Amino acid sequence: MKFLTDLAERTISTYLETLLGLLLASSVVDLSAAKAAAVAAIPAGLAVIKGALSGFLGKPATAAALPSKPSV
């Protein structure tokens, strides 16, 4: 359950950060809010893929890509 919570948090934060960045940039680039929301889903989807792969390759039971610190 911790893995899914971690992955959901990372995905939602990636989506919101990207959406906010696109909405702020829409004054420079002609981009509607609906298009910005759709485009922001791309990095969020990539975050899901990265998190899923990290569950196998990184720290167990989390979506972290980096391995855990070795125990001393």
Protein backbone atom coordinates (compact mmCIF):
# COMPACT_ATOMS: atom_id res chain seq x y z
CA MET A 1 0.00 0.00 0.00
CA LYS A 2 2.90 2.36 0.72
CA PHE A 3 4.11 1.95 -2.86
CA LEU A 4 0.75 2.99 -4.34
CA THR A 5 0.48 5.98 -1.99
CA ASP A 6 4.02 7.06 -2.87
CA LEU A 7 3.39 6.64 -6.60
CA ALA A 8 0.08 8.51 -6.44
CA GLU A 9 1.68 11.41 -4.57
CA ARG A 10 4.51 11.67 -7.10
CA THR A 11 2.13 11.45 -10.06
CA ILE A 12 -0.30 14.05 -8.75
CA SER A 13 2.48 16.47 -7.80
CA THR A 14 4.11 16.06 -11.23
CA TYR A 15 0.78 16.74 -12.93
CA LEU A 16 0.01 19.82 -10.84
CA GLU A 17 3.52 21.25 -11.21
CA THR A 18 3.40 20.78 -14.99
CA LEU A 19 -0.10 22.20 -15.27
CA LEU A 20 0.85 25.26 -13.21
CA GLY A 21 3.97 25.78 -15.33
CA LEU A 22 1.96 25.55 -18.55
CA LEU A 23 -0.72 27.90 -17.27
CA LEU A 24 1.94 30.42 -16.26
CA ALA A 25 3.59 30.07 -19.68
CA SER A 26 0.26 30.48 -21.49
CA SER A 27 0.76 34.24 -21.41
CA VAL A 28 3.80 33.73 -23.63
CA VAL A 29 2.53 30.77 -25.66
CA ASP A 30 -1.04 30.52 -26.98
CA LEU A 31 -2.25 27.57 -24.91
CA SER A 32 -5.77 27.18 -23.52
CA ALA A 33 -6.40 25.76 -20.05
CA ALA A 34 -7.90 22.58 -21.55
CA LYS A 35 -4.86 22.02 -23.74
CA ALA A 36 -2.54 22.72 -20.80
CA ALA A 37 -4.42 20.13 -18.72
CA ALA A 38 -4.12 17.57 -21.49
CA VAL A 39 -0.44 18.24 -22.12
CA ALA A 40 0.30 18.09 -18.37
CA ALA A 41 -0.92 14.49 -18.37
CA ILE A 42 2.12 13.43 -20.44
CA PRO A 43 4.74 14.05 -17.71
CA ALA A 44 2.33 12.62 -15.13
CA GLY A 45 2.07 9.44 -17.19
CA LEU A 46 5.84 9.29 -17.43
CA ALA A 47 6.00 9.67 -13.64
CA VAL A 48 3.77 6.60 -13.30
CA ILE A 49 6.05 4.58 -15.59
CA LYS A 50 9.18 5.75 -13.76
CA GLY A 51 7.61 5.02 -10.38
CA ALA A 52 6.53 1.55 -11.46
CA LEU A 53 10.01 0.74 -12.73
CA SER A 54 11.55 2.22 -9.60
CA GLY A 55 9.47 -0.14 -7.51
CA PHE A 56 11.49 -2.97 -9.02
CA LEU A 57 14.87 -1.25 -9.35
CA GLY A 58 15.06 1.22 -6.46
CA LYS A 59 14.11 1.21 -2.82
CA PRO A 60 11.67 -1.63 -2.12
CA ALA A 61 8.02 -0.74 -1.36
CA THR A 62 8.42 2.86 -2.59
CA ALA A 63 8.42 4.67 -5.91
CA ALA A 64 11.91 6.06 -5.20
CA ALA A 65 14.45 5.43 -7.95
CA LEU A 66 17.45 5.70 -5.65
CA PRO A 67 18.45 2.68 -3.61
CA SER A 68 18.08 2.85 0.15
CA LYS A 69 21.03 3.81 2.31
CA PRO A 70 23.09 0.84 3.40
CA SER A 71 22.72 -0.09 7.05
CA VAL A 72 25.73 0.67 9.19
